[in-house]
Amino acid sequence: VDEEARSRGTSVYLVDRTVPMLPEKLCNKVC
């Protein structure tokens, strides 16, 4: 998860959706 987050660098916020840096279970729920 750390390696993938590092490669993405940041979440990307588009007009109608978000491409998250972390898995959805972490960014929207656990954390």
PDB file of all heavy atoms in Angstrom:
ATOM      1  N   VAL A   1       0.836  -1.197   0.000  1.00  0.00           N
ATOM      2  CA  VAL A   1       0.000   0.000   0.000  1.00  0.00           C
ATOM      3  C   VAL A   1       0.878   1.257   0.000  1.00  0.00           C
ATOM      4  O   VAL A   1       0.590   2.234  -0.700  1.00  0.00           O
ATOM      5  CB  VAL A   1      -0.944   0.001   1.225  1.00  0.00           C
ATOM      6  CG1 VAL A   1      -1.730   1.316   1.298  1.00  0.00           C
ATOM      7  CG2 VAL A   1      -1.914  -1.170   1.147  1.00  0.00           C
ATOM      8  N   ASP A   2       1.970   1.226   0.759  1.00  0.00           N
ATOM      9  CA  ASP A   2       2.888   2.360   0.815  1.00  0.00           C
ATOM     10  C   ASP A   2       3.524   2.608  -0.550  1.00  0.00           C
ATOM     11  O   ASP A   2       3.621   3.745  -1.011  1.00  0.00           O
ATOM     12  CB  ASP A   2       3.966   2.105   1.864  1.00  0.00           C
ATOM     13  CG  ASP A   2       5.034   3.195   1.877  1.00  0.00           C
ATOM     14  OD1 ASP A   2       4.688   4.337   2.202  1.00  0.00           O
ATOM     15  OD2 ASP A   2       6.199   2.888   1.555  1.00  0.00           O
ATOM     16  N   GLU A   3       3.952   1.546  -1.215  1.00  0.00           N
ATOM     17  CA  GLU A   3       4.594   1.688  -2.526  1.00  0.00           C
ATOM     18  C   GLU A   3       3.623   2.256  -3.557  1.00  0.00           C
ATOM     19  O   GLU A   3       3.993   3.104  -4.376  1.00  0.00           O
ATOM     20  CB  GLU A   3       5.145   0.337  -2.983  1.00  0.00           C
ATOM     21  CG  GLU A   3       6.352  -0.135  -2.161  1.00  0.00           C
ATOM     22  CD  GLU A   3       6.857  -1.488  -2.610  1.00  0.00           C
ATOM     23  OE1 GLU A   3       6.335  -2.013  -3.616  1.00  0.00           O
ATOM     24  OE2 GLU A   3       7.783  -2.033  -1.966  1.00  0.00           O
ATOM     25  N   GLU A   4       2.376   1.805  -3.513  1.00  0.00           N
ATOM     26  CA  GLU A   4       1.380   2.320  -4.458  1.00  0.00           C
ATOM     27  C   GLU A   4       1.051   3.780  -4.154  1.00  0.00           C
ATOM     28  O   GLU A   4       0.918   4.598  -5.065  1.00  0.00           O
ATOM     29  CB  GLU A   4       0.112   1.466  -4.402  1.00  0.00           C
ATOM     30  CG  GLU A   4      -0.992   1.907  -5.367  1.00  0.00           C
ATOM     31  CD  GLU A   4      -0.607   1.800  -6.828  1.00  0.00           C
ATOM     32  OE1 GLU A   4       0.322   1.019  -7.151  1.00  0.00           O
ATOM     33  OE2 GLU A   4      -1.228   2.493  -7.658  1.00  0.00           O
ATOM     34  N   ALA A   5       0.922   4.117  -2.860  1.00  0.00           N
ATOM     35  CA  ALA A   5       0.651   5.507  -2.477  1.00  0.00           C
ATOM     36  C   ALA A   5       1.790   6.419  -2.915  1.00  0.00           C
ATOM     37  O   ALA A   5       1.563   7.537  -3.397  1.00  0.00           O
ATOM     38  CB  ALA A   5       0.446   5.597  -0.971  1.00  0.00           C
ATOM     39  N   ARG A   6       3.014   5.944  -2.767  1.00  0.00           N
ATOM     40  CA  ARG A   6       4.176   6.744  -3.172  1.00  0.00           C
ATOM     41  C   ARG A   6       4.183   6.968  -4.681  1.00  0.00           C
ATOM     42  O   ARG A   6       4.513   8.056  -5.157  1.00  0.00           O
ATOM     43  CB  ARG A   6       5.464   6.058  -2.728  1.00  0.00           C
ATOM     44  CG  ARG A   6       6.721   6.881  -3.018  1.00  0.00           C
ATOM     45  CD  ARG A   6       7.949   6.266  -2.376  1.00  0.00           C
ATOM     46  NE  ARG A   6       8.176   4.908  -2.834  1.00  0.00           N
ATOM     47  CZ  ARG A   6       9.096   4.082  -2.312  1.00  0.00           C
ATOM     48  NH1 ARG A   6       9.849   4.505  -1.309  1.00  0.00           N
ATOM     49  NH2 ARG A   6       9.249   2.869  -2.782  1.00  0.00           N
ATOM     50  N   SER A   7       3.827   5.953  -5.456  1.00  0.00           N
ATOM     51  CA  SER A   7       3.813   6.097  -6.911  1.00  0.00           C
ATOM     52  C   SER A   7       2.714   7.062  -7.364  1.00  0.00           C
ATOM     53  O   SER A   7       2.873   7.788  -8.339  1.00  0.00           O
ATOM     54  CB  SER A   7       3.627   4.738  -7.591  1.00  0.00           C
ATOM     55  OG  SER A   7       2.321   4.227  -7.363  1.00  0.00           O
ATOM     56  N   ARG A   8       1.591   7.081  -6.633  1.00  0.00           N
ATOM     57  CA  ARG A   8       0.517   8.015  -6.984  1.00  0.00           C
ATOM     58  C   ARG A   8       0.820   9.425  -6.477  1.00  0.00           C
ATOM     59  O   ARG A   8       0.521  10.408  -7.147  1.00  0.00           O
ATOM     60  CB  ARG A   8      -0.817   7.530  -6.401  1.00  0.00           C
ATOM     61  CG  ARG A   8      -1.272   6.203  -6.996  1.00  0.00           C
ATOM     62  CD  ARG A   8      -2.666   5.812  -6.534  1.00  0.00           C
ATOM     63  NE  ARG A   8      -3.066   4.554  -7.153  1.00  0.00           N
ATOM     64  CZ  ARG A   8      -4.334   4.190  -7.351  1.00  0.00           C
ATOM     65  NH1 ARG A   8      -5.325   4.982  -6.964  1.00  0.00           N
ATOM     66  NH2 ARG A   8      -4.608   3.044  -7.936  1.00  0.00           N
ATOM     67  N   GLY A   9       1.381   9.514  -5.280  1.00  0.00           N
ATOM     68  CA  GLY A   9       1.813  10.804  -4.760  1.00  0.00           C
ATOM     69  C   GLY A   9       0.721  11.632  -4.117  1.00  0.00           C
ATOM     70  O   GLY A   9       0.953  12.314  -3.119  1.00  0.00           O
ATOM     71  N   THR A  10      -0.472  11.593  -4.685  1.00  0.00           N
ATOM     72  CA  THR A  10      -1.570  12.402  -4.175  1.00  0.00           C
ATOM     73  C   THR A  10      -2.887  11.853  -4.696  1.00  0.00           C
ATOM     74  O   THR A  10      -2.919  11.139  -5.703  1.00  0.00           O
ATOM     75  CB  THR A  10      -1.421  13.874  -4.606  1.00  0.00           C
ATOM     76  OG1 THR A  10      -2.459  14.653  -4.023  1.00  0.00           O
ATOM     77  CG2 THR A  10      -1.482  14.019  -6.106  1.00  0.00           C
ATOM     78  N   SER A  11      -3.971  12.159  -4.017  1.00  0.00           N
ATOM     79  CA  SER A  11      -5.295  11.904  -4.572  1.00  0.00           C
ATOM     80  C   SER A  11      -5.568  12.953  -5.643  1.00  0.00           C
ATOM     81  O   SER A  11      -5.098  14.086  -5.557  1.00  0.00           O
ATOM     82  CB  SER A  11      -6.376  11.989  -3.488  1.00  0.00           C
ATOM     83  OG  SER A  11      -6.219  10.957  -2.533  1.00  0.00           O
ATOM     84  N   VAL A  12      -6.330  12.567  -6.657  1.00  0.00           N
ATOM     85  CA  VAL A  12      -6.664  13.481  -7.746  1.00  0.00           C
ATOM     86  C   VAL A  12      -8.178  13.701  -7.729  1.00  0.00           C
ATOM     87  O   VAL A  12      -8.946  12.740  -7.792  1.00  0.00           O
ATOM     88  CB  VAL A  12      -6.222  12.917  -9.117  1.00  0.00           C
ATOM     89  CG1 VAL A  12      -6.600  13.882 -10.235  1.00  0.00           C
ATOM     90  CG2 VAL A  12      -4.721  12.662  -9.124  1.00  0.00           C
ATOM     91  N   TYR A  13      -8.571  14.977  -7.622  1.00  0.00           N
ATOM     92  CA  TYR A  13      -9.988  15.317  -7.532  1.00  0.00           C
ATOM     93  C   TYR A  13     -10.473  15.846  -8.879  1.00  0.00           C
ATOM     94  O   TYR A  13     -10.094  16.928  -9.311  1.00  0.00           O
ATOM     95  CB  TYR A  13     -10.215  16.351  -6.423  1.00  0.00           C
ATOM     96  CG  TYR A  13      -9.869  15.814  -5.052  1.00  0.00           C
ATOM     97  CD1 TYR A  13      -8.580  15.945  -4.536  1.00  0.00           C
ATOM     98  CD2 TYR A  13     -10.812  15.147  -4.289  1.00  0.00           C
ATOM     99  CE1 TYR A  13      -8.250  15.428  -3.294  1.00  0.00           C
ATOM    100  CE2 TYR A  13     -10.494  14.627  -3.042  1.00  0.00           C
ATOM    101  CZ  TYR A  13      -9.218  14.780  -2.553  1.00  0.00           C
ATOM    102  OH  TYR A  13      -8.898  14.258  -1.323  1.00  0.00           O
ATOM    103  N   LEU A  14     -11.312  15.038  -9.537  1.00  0.00           N
ATOM    104  CA  LEU A  14     -11.896  15.420 -10.818  1.00  0.00           C
ATOM    105  C   LEU A  14     -13.294  15.994 -10.576  1.00  0.00           C
ATOM    106  O   LEU A  14     -13.780  16.050  -9.442  1.00  0.00           O
ATOM    107  CB  LEU A  14     -11.944  14.217 -11.747  1.00  0.00           C
ATOM    108  CG  LEU A  14     -10.589  13.519 -11.982  1.00  0.00           C
ATOM    109  CD1 LEU A  14     -10.753  12.265 -12.813  1.00  0.00           C
ATOM    110  CD2 LEU A  14      -9.614  14.473 -12.651  1.00  0.00           C
ATOM    111  N   VAL A  15     -13.954  16.418 -11.652  1.00  0.00           N
ATOM    112  CA  VAL A  15     -15.255  17.067 -11.517  1.00  0.00           C
ATOM    113  C   VAL A  15     -16.274  16.145 -10.853  1.00  0.00           C
ATOM    114  O   VAL A  15     -17.016  16.542  -9.962  1.00  0.00           O
ATOM    115  CB  VAL A  15     -15.770  17.519 -12.900  1.00  0.00           C
ATOM    116  CG1 VAL A  15     -17.210  18.022 -12.806  1.00  0.00           C
ATOM    117  CG2 VAL A  15     -14.872  18.633 -13.445  1.00  0.00           C
ATOM    118  N   ASP A  16     -16.293  14.890 -11.272  1.00  0.00           N
ATOM    119  CA  ASP A  16     -17.360  13.989 -10.810  1.00  0.00           C
ATOM    120  C   ASP A  16     -16.849  12.786 -10.025  1.00  0.00           C
ATOM    121  O   ASP A  16     -17.614  11.888  -9.697  1.00  0.00           O
ATOM    122  CB  ASP A  16     -18.169  13.494 -12.009  1.00  0.00           C
ATOM    123  CG  ASP A  16     -17.315  12.713 -13.004  1.00  0.00           C
ATOM    124  OD1 ASP A  16     -16.077  12.858 -12.949  1.00  0.00           O
ATOM    125  OD2 ASP A  16     -17.881  11.971 -13.828  1.00  0.00           O
ATOM    126  N   ARG A  17     -15.555  12.763  -9.718  1.00  0.00           N
ATOM    127  CA  ARG A  17     -15.024  11.593  -9.017  1.00  0.00           C
ATOM    128  C   ARG A  17     -13.660  11.933  -8.406  1.00  0.00           C
ATOM    129  O   ARG A  17     -13.058  12.950  -8.722  1.00  0.00           O
ATOM    130  CB  ARG A  17     -14.885  10.410  -9.967  1.00  0.00           C
ATOM    131  CG  ARG A  17     -13.724  10.515 -10.947  1.00  0.00           C
ATOM    132  CD  ARG A  17     -13.850   9.573 -12.101  1.00  0.00           C
ATOM    133  NE  ARG A  17     -14.931  10.004 -12.987  1.00  0.00           N
ATOM    134  CZ  ARG A  17     -15.295   9.340 -14.083  1.00  0.00           C
ATOM    135  NH1 ARG A  17     -14.677   8.221 -14.401  1.00  0.00           N
ATOM    136  NH2 ARG A  17     -16.260   9.793 -14.843  1.00  0.00           N
ATOM    137  N   THR A  18     -13.203  11.038  -7.551  1.00  0.00           N
ATOM    138  CA  THR A  18     -11.878  11.150  -6.952  1.00  0.00           C
ATOM    139  C   THR A  18     -11.075   9.901  -7.274  1.00  0.00           C
ATOM    140  O   THR A  18     -11.583   8.784  -7.161  1.00  0.00           O
ATOM    141  CB  THR A  18     -11.984  11.300  -5.418  1.00  0.00           C
ATOM    142  OG1 THR A  18     -12.707  12.480  -5.102  1.00  0.00           O
ATOM    143  CG2 THR A  18     -10.606  11.378  -4.792  1.00  0.00           C
ATOM    144  N   VAL A  19      -9.834  10.097  -7.704  1.00  0.00           N
ATOM    145  CA  VAL A  19      -8.895   8.980  -7.860  1.00  0.00           C
ATOM    146  C   VAL A  19      -8.017   9.003  -6.617  1.00  0.00           C
ATOM    147  O   VAL A  19      -7.102   9.825  -6.509  1.00  0.00           O
ATOM    148  CB  VAL A  19      -8.049   9.127  -9.135  1.00  0.00           C
ATOM    149  CG1 VAL A  19      -7.123   7.921  -9.291  1.00  0.00           C
ATOM    150  CG2 VAL A  19      -8.939   9.278 -10.358  1.00  0.00           C
ATOM    151  N   PRO A  20      -8.276   8.140  -5.629  1.00  0.00           N
ATOM    152  CA  PRO A  20      -7.609   8.272  -4.333  1.00  0.00           C
ATOM    153  C   PRO A  20      -6.176   7.763  -4.333  1.00  0.00           C
ATOM    154  O   PRO A  20      -5.803   6.909  -5.133  1.00  0.00           O
ATOM    155  CB  PRO A  20      -8.487   7.418  -3.415  1.00  0.00           C
ATOM    156  CG  PRO A  20      -9.049   6.362  -4.321  1.00  0.00           C
ATOM    157  CD  PRO A  20      -9.251   7.038  -5.650  1.00  0.00           C
ATOM    158  N   MET A  21      -5.388   8.301  -3.416  1.00  0.00           N
ATOM    159  CA  MET A  21      -4.018   7.831  -3.241  1.00  0.00           C
ATOM    160  C   MET A  21      -3.998   6.494  -2.497  1.00  0.00           C
ATOM    161  O   MET A  21      -3.150   5.643  -2.750  1.00  0.00           O
ATOM    162  CB  MET A  21      -3.204   8.869  -2.465  1.00  0.00           C
ATOM    163  CG  MET A  21      -1.745   8.497  -2.232  1.00  0.00           C
ATOM    164  SD  MET A  21      -0.838   9.738  -1.284  1.00  0.00           S
ATOM    165  CE  MET A  21      -1.483   9.463   0.374  1.00  0.00           C
ATOM    166  N   LEU A  22      -4.954   6.321  -1.590  1.00  0.00           N
ATOM    167  CA  LEU A  22      -5.033   5.127  -0.756  1.00  0.00           C
ATOM    168  C   LEU A  22      -6.285   4.332  -1.095  1.00  0.00           C
ATOM    169  O   LEU A  22      -7.234   4.877  -1.666  1.00  0.00           O
ATOM    170  CB  LEU A  22      -5.058   5.529   0.725  1.00  0.00           C
ATOM    171  CG  LEU A  22      -3.833   6.251   1.269  1.00  0.00           C
ATOM    172  CD1 LEU A  22      -4.125   6.791   2.661  1.00  0.00           C
ATOM    173  CD2 LEU A  22      -2.630   5.321   1.298  1.00  0.00           C
ATOM    174  N   PRO A  23      -6.325   3.054  -0.727  1.00  0.00           N
ATOM    175  CA  PRO A  23      -7.547   2.270  -0.940  1.00  0.00           C
ATOM    176  C   PRO A  23      -8.743   2.931  -0.254  1.00  0.00           C
ATOM    177  O   PRO A  23      -8.619   3.531   0.819  1.00  0.00           O
ATOM    178  CB  PRO A  23      -7.216   0.920  -0.298  1.00  0.00           C
ATOM    179  CG  PRO A  23      -5.728   0.833  -0.329  1.00  0.00           C
ATOM    180  CD  PRO A  23      -5.240   2.237  -0.157  1.00  0.00           C
ATOM    181  N   GLU A  24      -9.915   2.805  -0.876  1.00  0.00           N
ATOM    182  CA  GLU A  24     -11.115   3.473  -0.362  1.00  0.00           C
ATOM    183  C   GLU A  24     -11.435   3.075   1.075  1.00  0.00           C
ATOM    184  O   GLU A  24     -11.907   3.894   1.866  1.00  0.00           O
ATOM    185  CB  GLU A  24     -12.304   3.166  -1.271  1.00  0.00           C
ATOM    186  CG  GLU A  24     -13.567   3.928  -0.892  1.00  0.00           C
ATOM    187  CD  GLU A  24     -14.712   3.660  -1.835  1.00  0.00           C
ATOM    188  OE1 GLU A  24     -14.477   3.083  -2.914  1.00  0.00           O
ATOM    189  OE2 GLU A  24     -15.855   4.017  -1.495  1.00  0.00           O
ATOM    190  N   LYS A  25     -11.188   1.829   1.442  1.00  0.00           N
ATOM    191  CA  LYS A  25     -11.484   1.393   2.813  1.00  0.00           C
ATOM    192  C   LYS A  25     -10.658   2.160   3.835  1.00  0.00           C
ATOM    193  O   LYS A  25     -11.091   2.369   4.968  1.00  0.00           O
ATOM    194  CB  LYS A  25     -11.231  -0.116   2.953  1.00  0.00           C
ATOM    195  CG  LYS A  25     -12.306  -0.984   2.329  1.00  0.00           C
ATOM    196  CD  LYS A  25     -12.082  -2.455   2.624  1.00  0.00           C
ATOM    197  CE  LYS A  25     -13.201  -3.302   2.033  1.00  0.00           C
ATOM    198  NZ  LYS A  25     -12.997  -4.750   2.320  1.00  0.00           N
ATOM    199  N   LEU A  26      -9.452   2.579   3.431  1.00  0.00           N
ATOM    200  CA  LEU A  26      -8.621   3.383   4.328  1.00  0.00           C
ATOM    201  C   LEU A  26      -9.032   4.853   4.296  1.00  0.00           C
ATOM    202  O   LEU A  26      -9.300   5.456   5.337  1.00  0.00           O
ATOM    203  CB  LEU A  26      -7.145   3.255   3.959  1.00  0.00           C
ATOM    204  CG  LEU A  26      -6.416   1.978   4.375  1.00  0.00           C
ATOM    205  CD1 LEU A  26      -4.975   2.016   3.874  1.00  0.00           C
ATOM    206  CD2 LEU A  26      -6.425   1.801   5.880  1.00  0.00           C
ATOM    207  N   CYS A  27      -9.089   5.457   3.096  1.00  0.00           N
ATOM    208  CA  CYS A  27      -9.266   6.907   3.011  1.00  0.00           C
ATOM    209  C   CYS A  27     -10.678   7.348   3.378  1.00  0.00           C
ATOM    210  O   CYS A  27     -10.858   8.426   3.976  1.00  0.00           O
ATOM    211  CB  CYS A  27      -8.874   7.429   1.634  1.00  0.00           C
ATOM    212  SG  CYS A  27      -9.797   6.761   0.252  1.00  0.00           S
ATOM    213  N   ASN A  28     -11.696   6.558   3.054  1.00  0.00           N
ATOM    214  CA  ASN A  28     -13.069   6.982   3.339  1.00  0.00           C
ATOM    215  C   ASN A  28     -13.654   6.370   4.605  1.00  0.00           C
ATOM    216  O   ASN A  28     -14.672   6.852   5.095  1.00  0.00           O
ATOM    217  CB  ASN A  28     -13.985   6.637   2.164  1.00  0.00           C
ATOM    218  CG  ASN A  28     -13.705   7.486   0.932  1.00  0.00           C
ATOM    219  OD1 ASN A  28     -12.910   8.415   0.982  1.00  0.00           O
ATOM    220  ND2 ASN A  28     -14.352   7.169  -0.163  1.00  0.00           N
ATOM    221  N   LYS A  29     -13.012   5.321   5.123  1.00  0.00           N
ATOM    222  CA  LYS A  29     -13.610   4.629   6.260  1.00  0.00           C
ATOM    223  C   LYS A  29     -12.663   4.548   7.460  1.00  0.00           C
ATOM    224  O   LYS A  29     -12.848   5.226   8.458  1.00  0.00           O
ATOM    225  CB  LYS A  29     -14.075   3.230   5.827  1.00  0.00           C
ATOM    226  CG  LYS A  29     -15.182   3.289   4.766  1.00  0.00           C
ATOM    227  CD  LYS A  29     -15.626   1.901   4.325  1.00  0.00           C
ATOM    228  CE  LYS A  29     -16.713   2.001   3.260  1.00  0.00           C
ATOM    229  NZ  LYS A  29     -17.140   0.649   2.790  1.00  0.00           N
ATOM    230  N   VAL A  30     -11.634   3.711   7.367  1.00  0.00           N
ATOM    231  CA  VAL A  30     -10.791   3.445   8.542  1.00  0.00           C
ATOM    232  C   VAL A  30     -10.089   4.699   9.042  1.00  0.00           C
ATOM    233  O   VAL A  30     -10.095   4.997  10.240  1.00  0.00           O
ATOM    234  CB  VAL A  30      -9.754   2.345   8.222  1.00  0.00           C
ATOM    235  CG1 VAL A  30      -8.805   2.147   9.401  1.00  0.00           C
ATOM    236  CG2 VAL A  30     -10.460   1.036   7.890  1.00  0.00           C
ATOM    237  N   CYS A  31      -9.493   5.481   8.140  1.00  0.00           N
ATOM    238  CA  CYS A  31      -8.723   6.658   8.545  1.00  0.00           C
ATOM    239  C   CYS A  31      -9.574   7.924   8.638  1.00  0.00           C
ATOM    240  O   CYS A  31      -9.228   8.838   9.386  1.00  0.00           O
ATOM    241  CB  CYS A  31      -7.573   6.906   7.558  1.00  0.00           C
ATOM    242  SG  CYS A  31      -6.329   5.593   7.556  1.00  0.00           S
TER     243      CYS A  31
END
